[in-house]
Amino acid sequence: MSKLPVVSGRELVRALAKVGFQLDRQKGSHMMLYRSNPPMTISVPDHGELDRGTLRAILRQADVSPTDLAALR
């Protein structure tokens, strides 16, 4: 498994937009991303730096590997 990069919530949203997610809404410090095919909703905290466990869980839900994330950034 490759090492997870240090990213902010907004950087992660920009990277996930390249694989089909779009910002649906934001309430407080959480941004909700939606993808229509296949349908999926993911919550991304709007923090300056995401914890490794949080980032790993979001990537797992979005079916994106850490190496794919590095290529999307």
C-alpha atoms as a PDB file:
ATOM      1  CA  MET A   1       0.000   0.000   0.000  1.00  0.00           C
ATOM      2  CA  SER A   2       1.378   3.415  -0.909  1.00  0.00           C
ATOM      3  CA  LYS A   3       1.740   6.224   1.569  1.00  0.00           C
ATOM      4  CA  LEU A   4      -1.211   8.583   1.959  1.00  0.00           C
ATOM      5  CA  PRO A   5      -0.536  12.212   0.979  1.00  0.00           C
ATOM      6  CA  VAL A   6      -1.406  15.136   3.231  1.00  0.00           C
ATOM      7  CA  VAL A   7      -4.385  16.923   1.674  1.00  0.00           C
ATOM      8  CA  SER A   8      -7.018  19.408   2.732  1.00  0.00           C
ATOM      9  CA  GLY A   9     -10.723  18.805   2.341  1.00  0.00           C
ATOM     10  CA  ARG A  10     -10.960  21.234  -0.576  1.00  0.00           C
ATOM     11  CA  GLU A  11      -8.023  19.590  -2.372  1.00  0.00           C
ATOM     12  CA  LEU A  12      -9.743  16.222  -1.998  1.00  0.00           C
ATOM     13  CA  VAL A  13     -13.003  17.637  -3.407  1.00  0.00           C
ATOM     14  CA  ARG A  14     -11.123  18.950  -6.478  1.00  0.00           C
ATOM     15  CA  ALA A  15      -9.464  15.555  -6.996  1.00  0.00           C
ATOM     16  CA  LEU A  16     -12.740  13.635  -6.604  1.00  0.00           C
ATOM     17  CA  ALA A  17     -14.407  15.996  -9.096  1.00  0.00           C
ATOM     18  CA  LYS A  18     -12.063  14.559 -11.731  1.00  0.00           C
ATOM     19  CA  VAL A  19     -13.568  11.083 -11.209  1.00  0.00           C
ATOM     20  CA  GLY A  20     -17.202  12.196 -11.459  1.00  0.00           C
ATOM     21  CA  PHE A  21     -18.153  13.596  -8.048  1.00  0.00           C
ATOM     22  CA  GLN A  22     -19.698  17.032  -7.740  1.00  0.00           C
ATOM     23  CA  LEU A  23     -20.419  19.246  -4.764  1.00  0.00           C
ATOM     24  CA  ASP A  24     -24.062  18.750  -3.822  1.00  0.00           C
ATOM     25  CA  ARG A  25     -24.297  20.895  -0.691  1.00  0.00           C
ATOM     26  CA  GLN A  26     -22.383  22.075   2.345  1.00  0.00           C
ATOM     27  CA  LYS A  27     -23.640  22.299   5.889  1.00  0.00           C
ATOM     28  CA  GLY A  28     -21.208  23.674   8.419  1.00  0.00           C
ATOM     29  CA  SER A  29     -17.794  22.165   7.882  1.00  0.00           C
ATOM     30  CA  HIS A  30     -18.915  19.137   5.845  1.00  0.00           C
ATOM     31  CA  MET A  31     -19.196  19.097   2.070  1.00  0.00           C
ATOM     32  CA  MET A  32     -21.499  16.502   0.535  1.00  0.00           C
ATOM     33  CA  LEU A  33     -20.355  15.140  -2.829  1.00  0.00           C
ATOM     34  CA  TYR A  34     -22.654  13.262  -5.171  1.00  0.00           C
ATOM     35  CA  ARG A  35     -21.980  10.963  -8.136  1.00  0.00           C
ATOM     36  CA  SER A  36     -24.862   9.823 -10.309  1.00  0.00           C
ATOM     37  CA  ASN A  37     -23.335   6.761 -11.999  1.00  0.00           C
ATOM     38  CA  PRO A  38     -23.171   4.621  -9.891  1.00  0.00           C
ATOM     39  CA  PRO A  39     -25.151   6.650  -7.338  1.00  0.00           C
ATOM     40  CA  MET A  40     -23.097   7.555  -4.283  1.00  0.00           C
ATOM     41  CA  THR A  41     -22.897  10.323  -1.694  1.00  0.00           C
ATOM     42  CA  ILE A  42     -19.721  11.054   0.270  1.00  0.00           C
ATOM     43  CA  SER A  43     -19.159  13.504   3.116  1.00  0.00           C
ATOM     44  CA  VAL A  44     -15.817  15.359   3.141  1.00  0.00           C
ATOM     45  CA  PRO A  45     -14.877  17.586   6.095  1.00  0.00           C
ATOM     46  CA  ASP A  46     -13.734  21.077   5.109  1.00  0.00           C
ATOM     47  CA  HIS A  47     -10.557  20.953   7.198  1.00  0.00           C
ATOM     48  CA  GLY A  48      -7.112  22.325   6.442  1.00  0.00           C
ATOM     49  CA  GLU A  49      -5.564  18.877   6.794  1.00  0.00           C
ATOM     50  CA  LEU A  50      -7.492  15.588   6.801  1.00  0.00           C
ATOM     51  CA  ASP A  51      -6.529  12.856   9.257  1.00  0.00           C
ATOM     52  CA  ARG A  52      -5.077   9.753   7.623  1.00  0.00           C
ATOM     53  CA  GLY A  53      -7.911   7.519   8.822  1.00  0.00           C
ATOM     54  CA  THR A  54     -10.544   9.933   7.521  1.00  0.00           C
ATOM     55  CA  LEU A  55      -8.791  10.234   4.166  1.00  0.00           C
ATOM     56  CA  ARG A  56      -8.412   6.452   3.899  1.00  0.00           C
ATOM     57  CA  ALA A  57     -12.140   5.933   4.643  1.00  0.00           C
ATOM     58  CA  ILE A  58     -13.216   8.526   2.054  1.00  0.00           C
ATOM     59  CA  LEU A  59     -10.946   7.016  -0.603  1.00  0.00           C
ATOM     60  CA  ARG A  60     -12.267   3.545   0.158  1.00  0.00           C
ATOM     61  CA  GLN A  61     -15.871   4.759  -0.221  1.00  0.00           C
ATOM     62  CA  ALA A  62     -15.061   6.501  -3.508  1.00  0.00           C
ATOM     63  CA  ASP A  63     -13.123   3.463  -4.771  1.00  0.00           C
ATOM     64  CA  VAL A  64      -9.991   5.543  -5.364  1.00  0.00           C
ATOM     65  CA  SER A  65      -6.542   4.247  -4.427  1.00  0.00           C
ATOM     66  CA  PRO A  66      -3.875   6.485  -2.844  1.00  0.00           C
ATOM     67  CA  THR A  67      -1.799   6.226  -6.032  1.00  0.00           C
ATOM     68  CA  ASP A  68      -4.823   7.323  -8.082  1.00  0.00           C
ATOM     69  CA  LEU A  69      -5.266  10.273  -5.720  1.00  0.00           C
ATOM     70  CA  ALA A  70      -1.662  11.328  -6.296  1.00  0.00           C
ATOM     71  CA  ALA A  71      -2.280  11.252 -10.062  1.00  0.00           C
ATOM     72  CA  LEU A  72      -5.508  13.276  -9.726  1.00  0.00           C
ATOM     73  CA  ARG A  73      -3.862  16.050  -7.708  1.00  0.00           C
END
